[in-house]
Amino acid sequence: MIIVMSPSASPEQVKHVVGRLEEDGWGAEVSHGAERTVIGVIGTGFPPEYPDMFEVMDGVESATRISKGYKLASRDFKPTDTIIDVNGVKIGGDKFVVMAGPCSVETRDQILGTAQAVADRGATLLRGGAYKPRTSPYSFQGLGPEGLALLGEARALTGLPVITEIMEPGEVDIVEEYTDVFQIGTRNMQNFPLLRRVGQTNKPVMLKRGYASTIEEWLLASEYILAGGNKNVMLCERGIRTFEPMMRNTLDLAVVPMMHRLTHLPIIVDPSHGTGKWYLVKPMALAAAAAGADGIIVEVHPDPDHAWSDGPQALTPANFEDMMKTLEVVVNATGRTLAVMTPATV
């Protein structure tokens, strides 16, 4: 249920409504907009007459049942866009953010060199995997804590905030020390214990779409994090599995405007995993910007032919620089600008 307060509602009236909900055993999430305050009621099984009771309270404009399972992620609850601040880098709104780096941290020289290369060419977040969920148990699984320490060193060198993947609840404490954004990958989109655990933190979370998940399943997964109290959630389209074998996945760019219609959360696109081909990354990055995405996350490696994972989809620093030049033109054409690092982030 969503309770919309009138524009003239006082803080005391809002507090009274929340108090009544809590007295009845329901949770309440309050969203203060520019014109109105909206209260999202958390729970199920409301009596049919329950909304009517609130509509006669002082300061209440309307009370409406919401049939969607994703309440906190819905624009019905929060009409305005969520903007996430990651150490001074704004994600959402009129800024377009670029996250870039290698699929996995391999060596000190590799991650430090790549971090400096993407920073010099306009990236505003550094991506890199210390823990790598792989289809084969014999594939490189990441350096673990050693990789996290190297990411921390790269952050200190460049000032770039770090985004790295987390795979299980028990890793949250150690990963939180080194990352500025938790990435939850496609295989863990419905790892509900993990979603609940990161929901207990204040660290921003990027939730990737499951490779066979519907839009509603994706939004419901985000609801686990939001319901835990963490409001700093962004969503990432990284391609879905279809019948087409020519590319690694089918990048669903129509989902970008659809998600902006359904949710207030920022939408990021991953053209690297979405295509699996380095030469498709630039055109799909440009298309993502044109479709209204809030940013992209791309893989960059100094020597893709010898990468320990995902080499075929990685850009070289030179190719990344070429993409960034054209990307800025497209982003500006949509009325936005590329996000930049502020002095506070360095």
Protein backbone atom coordinates (compact mmCIF):
# COMPACT_ATOMS: atom_id res chain seq x y z
CA MET A 1 0.00 0.00 0.00
CA ILE A 2 1.18 3.55 -0.80
CA ILE A 3 0.03 6.51 1.30
CA VAL A 4 0.50 9.89 -0.38
CA MET A 5 0.53 12.87 1.97
CA SER A 6 -0.86 16.21 0.84
CA PRO A 7 1.62 18.98 -0.10
CA SER A 8 0.71 20.85 3.09
CA ALA A 9 1.10 17.84 5.41
CA SER A 10 3.12 18.62 8.52
CA PRO A 11 5.92 16.45 9.91
CA GLU A 12 3.66 15.67 12.87
CA GLN A 13 0.95 14.36 10.53
CA VAL A 14 3.47 12.15 8.73
CA LYS A 15 4.72 10.88 12.07
CA HIS A 16 1.16 10.12 13.18
CA VAL A 17 0.50 7.99 10.07
CA VAL A 18 3.78 6.09 10.47
CA GLY A 19 3.02 5.54 14.14
CA ARG A 20 -0.39 4.06 13.36
CA LEU A 21 1.14 1.69 10.80
CA GLU A 22 3.78 0.51 13.26
CA GLU A 23 1.14 0.13 15.94
CA ASP A 24 -0.75 -2.21 13.59
CA GLY A 25 2.39 -4.26 12.97
CA TRP A 26 3.36 -2.95 9.50
CA GLY A 27 6.64 -1.50 8.31
CA ALA A 28 6.79 2.00 6.86
CA GLU A 29 9.29 3.53 4.43
CA VAL A 30 9.06 7.32 4.07
CA SER A 31 10.15 9.05 0.84
CA HIS A 32 10.32 12.86 0.94
CA GLY A 33 9.80 14.28 -2.54
CA ALA A 34 9.97 17.87 -3.76
CA GLU A 35 6.20 18.31 -3.47
CA ARG A 36 4.85 15.38 -1.49
CA THR A 37 5.84 12.81 1.08
CA VAL A 38 5.04 9.21 0.19
CA ILE A 39 4.83 6.41 2.74
CA GLY A 40 5.34 2.86 1.51
CA VAL A 41 3.63 0.29 3.71
CA ILE A 42 5.62 -2.93 4.01
CA GLY A 43 3.62 -6.10 4.50
CA THR A 44 0.82 -8.19 3.03
CA GLY A 45 -2.71 -9.16 3.99
CA PHE A 46 -4.18 -5.71 4.61
CA PRO A 47 -7.93 -5.74 5.39
CA PRO A 48 -10.01 -4.46 2.44
CA GLU A 49 -11.05 -1.34 4.34
CA TYR A 50 -7.54 -0.52 5.55
CA PRO A 51 -6.74 2.17 2.89
CA ASP A 52 -10.05 3.92 3.61
CA MET A 53 -9.06 4.37 7.25
CA PHE A 54 -5.94 6.33 6.30
CA GLU A 55 -7.62 8.50 3.67
CA VAL A 56 -9.65 10.26 6.39
CA MET A 57 -6.57 11.07 8.47
CA ASP A 58 -5.32 14.64 8.59
CA GLY A 59 -2.68 15.36 5.95
CA VAL A 60 -3.37 12.28 3.83
CA GLU A 61 -4.18 12.82 0.16
CA SER A 62 -4.68 9.20 -0.87
CA ALA A 63 -4.04 5.60 0.16
CA THR A 64 -3.76 3.01 -2.60
CA ARG A 65 -3.08 -0.70 -2.72
CA ILE A 66 -0.07 -1.57 -4.88
CA SER A 67 -0.38 -4.87 -6.70
CA LYS A 68 3.31 -4.95 -7.66
CA GLY A 69 5.53 -7.09 -5.48
CA TYR A 70 8.33 -4.54 -5.82
CA LYS A 71 7.04 -1.64 -3.75
CA LEU A 72 10.17 0.23 -2.70
CA ALA A 73 11.72 -0.04 -6.18
CA SER A 74 8.56 1.24 -7.85
CA ARG A 75 8.03 4.75 -9.15
CA ASP A 76 4.68 4.64 -7.40
CA PHE A 77 6.63 4.86 -4.15
CA LYS A 78 9.33 7.29 -5.31
CA PRO A 79 8.48 9.26 -8.48
CA THR A 80 11.83 11.05 -8.63
CA ASP A 81 15.08 9.42 -9.77
CA THR A 82 17.42 8.04 -7.15
CA ILE A 83 20.90 9.54 -7.40
CA ILE A 84 23.67 7.58 -5.71
CA ASP A 85 26.80 9.35 -4.49
CA VAL A 86 29.89 7.14 -4.66
CA ASN A 87 32.69 9.18 -3.10
CA GLY A 88 31.63 12.27 -5.03
CA VAL A 89 30.70 10.49 -8.27
CA LYS A 90 26.98 10.92 -8.92
CA ILE A 91 25.17 7.97 -10.53
CA GLY A 92 21.76 8.85 -11.93
CA GLY A 93 20.10 12.13 -12.87
CA ASP A 94 21.83 14.20 -15.55
CA LYS A 95 25.21 12.46 -15.28
CA PHE A 96 26.47 9.45 -17.25
CA VAL A 97 29.03 7.33 -15.43
CA VAL A 98 31.68 5.06 -16.94
CA MET A 99 33.01 2.12 -14.93
CA ALA A 100 36.01 0.41 -16.50
CA GLY A 101 38.75 -2.07 -15.74
CA PRO A 102 39.75 -5.70 -16.18
CA CYS A 103 37.44 -8.65 -15.70
CA SER A 104 39.75 -9.98 -13.01
CA VAL A 105 42.70 -8.72 -11.03
CA GLU A 106 45.71 -10.73 -12.22
CA THR A 107 48.93 -9.02 -11.12
CA ARG A 108 49.95 -5.78 -9.44
CA ASP A 109 51.34 -4.31 -12.66
CA GLN A 110 48.23 -5.31 -14.60
CA ILE A 111 45.67 -3.72 -12.26
CA LEU A 112 47.69 -0.59 -11.45
CA GLY A 113 48.50 0.00 -15.11
CA THR A 114 44.92 -0.54 -16.23
CA ALA A 115 43.53 1.63 -13.44
CA GLN A 116 45.77 4.51 -14.45
CA ALA A 117 44.93 4.02 -18.12
CA VAL A 118 41.16 4.18 -17.63
CA ALA A 119 41.45 7.07 -15.16
CA ASP A 120 43.49 9.08 -17.68
CA ARG A 121 40.83 8.43 -20.35
CA GLY A 122 37.78 9.52 -18.38
CA ALA A 123 36.52 6.56 -16.36
CA THR A 124 35.04 7.50 -12.99
CA LEU A 125 34.94 4.07 -11.32
CA LEU A 126 37.39 1.18 -11.47
CA ARG A 127 36.00 -2.32 -11.96
CA GLY A 128 37.95 -5.47 -11.25
CA GLY A 129 37.17 -8.91 -9.91
CA ALA A 130 38.91 -10.42 -6.89
CA TYR A 131 36.33 -13.23 -6.62
CA LYS A 132 35.21 -14.69 -9.95
CA PRO A 133 32.23 -17.04 -10.25
CA ARG A 134 33.02 -19.19 -13.29
CA THR A 135 31.04 -21.79 -15.18
CA SER A 136 33.91 -24.27 -14.99
CA PRO A 137 35.47 -25.14 -11.62
CA TYR A 138 38.83 -25.38 -13.40
CA SER A 139 38.78 -21.77 -14.66
CA PHE A 140 40.59 -18.97 -12.85
CA GLN A 141 38.49 -18.06 -9.79
CA GLY A 142 40.20 -14.81 -8.79
CA LEU A 143 42.96 -13.88 -6.34
CA GLY A 144 40.59 -13.39 -3.40
CA PRO A 145 41.94 -11.21 -0.55
CA GLU A 146 45.18 -10.58 -2.47
CA GLY A 147 43.13 -9.16 -5.35
CA LEU A 148 41.15 -6.96 -2.98
CA ALA A 149 44.36 -5.51 -1.57
CA LEU A 150 45.57 -4.73 -5.09
CA LEU A 151 42.26 -2.98 -5.85
CA GLY A 152 42.77 -0.91 -2.72
CA GLU A 153 46.23 0.03 -3.96
CA ALA A 154 44.80 1.00 -7.37
CA ARG A 155 42.18 3.17 -5.68
CA ALA A 156 44.87 4.96 -3.68
CA LEU A 157 46.93 5.50 -6.83
CA THR A 158 44.17 6.91 -9.05
CA GLY A 159 41.44 8.13 -6.69
CA LEU A 160 38.90 6.05 -8.61
CA PRO A 161 36.17 4.45 -6.47
CA VAL A 162 36.15 0.65 -6.82
CA ILE A 163 33.36 -1.72 -7.81
CA THR A 164 33.99 -5.43 -7.33
CA GLU A 165 31.91 -8.58 -7.19
CA ILE A 166 30.77 -10.30 -4.02
CA MET A 167 29.58 -13.92 -4.07
CA GLU A 168 28.39 -14.91 -0.60
CA PRO A 169 27.28 -13.32 2.69
CA GLY A 170 30.43 -14.36 4.52
CA GLU A 171 32.57 -12.20 2.21
CA VAL A 172 30.74 -8.94 2.93
CA ASP A 173 32.96 -7.73 5.76
CA ILE A 174 36.28 -8.20 3.98
CA VAL A 175 35.07 -6.95 0.58
CA GLU A 176 33.51 -3.88 2.21
CA GLU A 177 36.96 -2.80 3.38
CA TYR A 178 38.23 -2.45 -0.19
CA THR A 179 35.24 -1.64 -2.39
CA ASP A 180 33.03 1.40 -2.79
CA VAL A 181 30.27 -0.50 -4.62
CA PHE A 182 29.23 -4.12 -4.19
CA GLN A 183 28.58 -5.86 -7.51
CA ILE A 184 26.17 -8.80 -7.42
CA GLY A 185 26.59 -10.83 -10.58
CA THR A 186 24.05 -12.55 -12.78
CA ARG A 187 24.49 -15.94 -11.08
CA ASN A 188 23.73 -14.43 -7.68
CA MET A 189 20.80 -12.19 -8.58
CA GLN A 190 18.51 -14.52 -6.63
CA ASN A 191 20.98 -15.41 -3.89
CA PHE A 192 18.54 -14.16 -1.28
CA PRO A 193 20.83 -14.54 1.78
CA LEU A 194 23.41 -12.39 -0.04
CA LEU A 195 20.79 -9.80 -1.02
CA ARG A 196 19.59 -9.57 2.56
CA ARG A 197 23.16 -9.23 3.86
CA VAL A 198 24.15 -6.34 1.57
CA GLY A 199 20.78 -4.79 2.39
CA GLN A 200 22.06 -4.43 5.96
CA THR A 201 24.96 -2.23 4.81
CA ASN A 202 25.01 1.35 3.55
CA LYS A 203 27.40 0.49 0.72
CA PRO A 204 25.99 1.07 -2.79
CA VAL A 205 25.04 -2.12 -4.64
CA MET A 206 24.93 -2.82 -8.38
CA LEU A 207 22.57 -5.71 -9.03
CA LYS A 208 23.06 -7.41 -12.39
CA ARG A 209 20.11 -8.99 -14.16
CA GLY A 210 20.05 -12.77 -14.11
CA TYR A 211 20.83 -14.21 -17.53
CA ALA A 212 17.40 -15.88 -17.68
CA SER A 213 15.43 -13.49 -15.48
CA THR A 214 12.35 -11.46 -16.25
CA ILE A 215 12.16 -7.75 -15.48
CA GLU A 216 9.83 -8.42 -12.56
CA GLU A 217 12.18 -11.03 -11.06
CA TRP A 218 15.02 -8.53 -11.33
CA LEU A 219 13.02 -5.81 -9.59
CA LEU A 220 11.89 -8.21 -6.87
CA ALA A 221 15.53 -9.12 -6.24
CA SER A 222 16.32 -5.43 -5.77
CA GLU A 223 13.43 -5.24 -3.31
CA TYR A 224 15.29 -7.61 -0.95
CA ILE A 225 18.14 -5.09 -0.70
CA LEU A 226 15.86 -2.06 -0.37
CA ALA A 227 13.69 -3.76 2.25
CA GLY A 228 16.82 -4.39 4.32
CA GLY A 229 17.32 -0.64 4.60
CA ASN A 230 19.96 -0.04 1.90
CA LYS A 231 18.55 2.52 -0.56
CA ASN A 232 21.72 2.83 -2.65
CA VAL A 233 20.83 0.30 -5.32
CA MET A 234 21.49 0.46 -9.05
CA LEU A 235 20.51 -2.12 -11.67
CA CYS A 236 22.68 -3.48 -14.48
CA GLU A 237 21.50 -4.99 -17.77
CA ARG A 238 24.23 -7.42 -18.88
CA GLY A 239 22.47 -9.46 -21.55
CA ILE A 240 20.14 -12.41 -21.33
CA ARG A 241 20.35 -15.91 -22.71
CA THR A 242 18.36 -16.46 -25.91
CA PHE A 243 18.49 -18.89 -28.85
CA GLU A 244 21.17 -16.83 -30.64
CA PRO A 245 24.67 -18.40 -30.32
CA MET A 246 26.59 -15.82 -32.36
CA MET A 247 27.07 -13.54 -29.35
CA ARG A 248 27.70 -14.35 -25.71
CA ASN A 249 24.30 -12.95 -24.71
CA THR A 250 21.51 -10.85 -26.17
CA LEU A 251 21.82 -7.30 -24.86
CA ASP A 252 18.29 -6.13 -24.06
CA LEU A 253 18.53 -2.36 -24.55
CA ALA A 254 14.74 -1.94 -24.67
CA VAL A 255 14.85 -2.72 -20.96
CA VAL A 256 16.49 0.67 -20.28
CA PRO A 257 13.49 2.92 -21.05
CA MET A 258 11.18 0.26 -19.65
CA MET A 259 13.03 0.23 -16.32
CA HIS A 260 13.05 4.02 -16.16
CA ARG A 261 9.28 3.83 -16.47
CA LEU A 262 8.92 1.22 -13.71
CA THR A 263 11.59 2.19 -11.20
CA HIS A 264 13.47 5.17 -9.80
CA LEU A 265 16.73 3.20 -9.49
CA PRO A 266 19.67 4.04 -11.82
CA ILE A 267 20.17 1.71 -14.80
CA ILE A 268 23.66 0.66 -15.93
CA VAL A 269 24.44 -1.34 -19.10
CA ASP A 270 27.28 -3.86 -19.52
CA PRO A 271 28.06 -4.12 -23.25
CA SER A 272 31.09 -6.35 -22.58
CA HIS A 273 29.18 -9.29 -21.08
CA GLY A 274 26.16 -8.37 -23.16
CA THR A 275 27.96 -9.18 -26.42
CA GLY A 276 31.18 -11.04 -25.62
CA LYS A 277 32.91 -9.34 -28.57
CA TRP A 278 35.23 -6.38 -28.08
CA TYR A 279 34.27 -4.85 -31.43
CA LEU A 280 30.60 -4.73 -30.37
CA VAL A 281 31.29 -2.94 -27.09
CA LYS A 282 31.61 0.57 -28.51
CA PRO A 283 28.42 0.54 -30.64
CA MET A 284 26.40 -1.00 -27.81
CA ALA A 285 27.81 1.52 -25.32
CA LEU A 286 26.71 4.34 -27.61
CA ALA A 287 23.30 2.71 -28.04
CA ALA A 288 22.95 2.36 -24.27
CA ALA A 289 23.63 6.06 -23.81
CA ALA A 290 21.12 6.93 -26.53
CA ALA A 291 18.51 4.68 -24.88
CA GLY A 292 18.84 6.63 -21.62
CA ALA A 293 21.10 4.44 -19.49
CA ASP A 294 22.70 6.14 -16.49
CA GLY A 295 26.08 4.61 -17.26
CA ILE A 296 28.05 1.67 -18.58
CA ILE A 297 30.50 -0.85 -17.15
CA VAL A 298 33.10 -2.12 -19.61
CA GLU A 299 36.11 -4.39 -19.48
CA VAL A 300 39.54 -2.98 -20.33
CA HIS A 301 42.77 -4.98 -20.36
CA PRO A 302 46.30 -4.00 -21.48
CA ASP A 303 46.76 -7.33 -23.31
CA PRO A 304 43.39 -9.00 -24.01
CA ASP A 305 44.98 -11.90 -25.90
CA HIS A 306 46.63 -13.03 -22.68
CA ALA A 307 43.89 -12.11 -20.19
CA TRP A 308 43.19 -14.73 -17.57
CA SER A 309 39.45 -14.33 -18.14
CA ASP A 310 37.11 -12.75 -20.71
CA GLY A 311 39.83 -11.53 -23.05
CA PRO A 312 37.67 -11.58 -26.23
CA GLN A 313 35.33 -8.92 -24.83
CA ALA A 314 37.95 -6.60 -23.35
CA LEU A 315 38.92 -3.28 -24.90
CA THR A 316 42.53 -2.17 -25.05
CA PRO A 317 43.26 1.24 -23.50
CA ALA A 318 43.46 2.69 -27.03
CA ASN A 319 40.05 1.26 -27.96
CA PHE A 320 38.64 2.54 -24.68
CA GLU A 321 39.92 6.03 -25.45
CA ASP A 322 38.31 5.90 -28.89
CA MET A 323 34.99 4.83 -27.37
CA MET A 324 35.07 7.61 -24.78
CA LYS A 325 35.49 10.34 -27.41
CA THR A 326 32.38 9.28 -29.32
CA LEU A 327 30.47 8.43 -26.16
CA GLU A 328 30.75 11.98 -24.89
CA VAL A 329 29.11 13.27 -28.09
CA VAL A 330 26.16 10.89 -27.71
CA VAL A 331 25.74 11.60 -24.00
CA ASN A 332 25.74 15.35 -24.63
CA ALA A 333 23.16 14.88 -27.39
CA THR A 334 20.79 13.36 -24.82
CA GLY A 335 21.06 16.46 -22.63
CA ARG A 336 23.46 14.95 -20.10
CA THR A 337 27.17 15.08 -19.39
CA LEU A 338 29.78 12.50 -18.53
CA ALA A 339 30.33 12.19 -14.80
CA VAL A 340 33.75 13.41 -13.70
CA MET A 341 35.77 13.01 -10.55
CA THR A 342 35.43 15.95 -8.18
CA PRO A 343 38.35 17.12 -6.03
CA ALA A 344 36.70 15.39 -3.06
CA THR A 345 37.13 11.99 -4.71
CA VAL A 346 40.89 12.25 -5.21
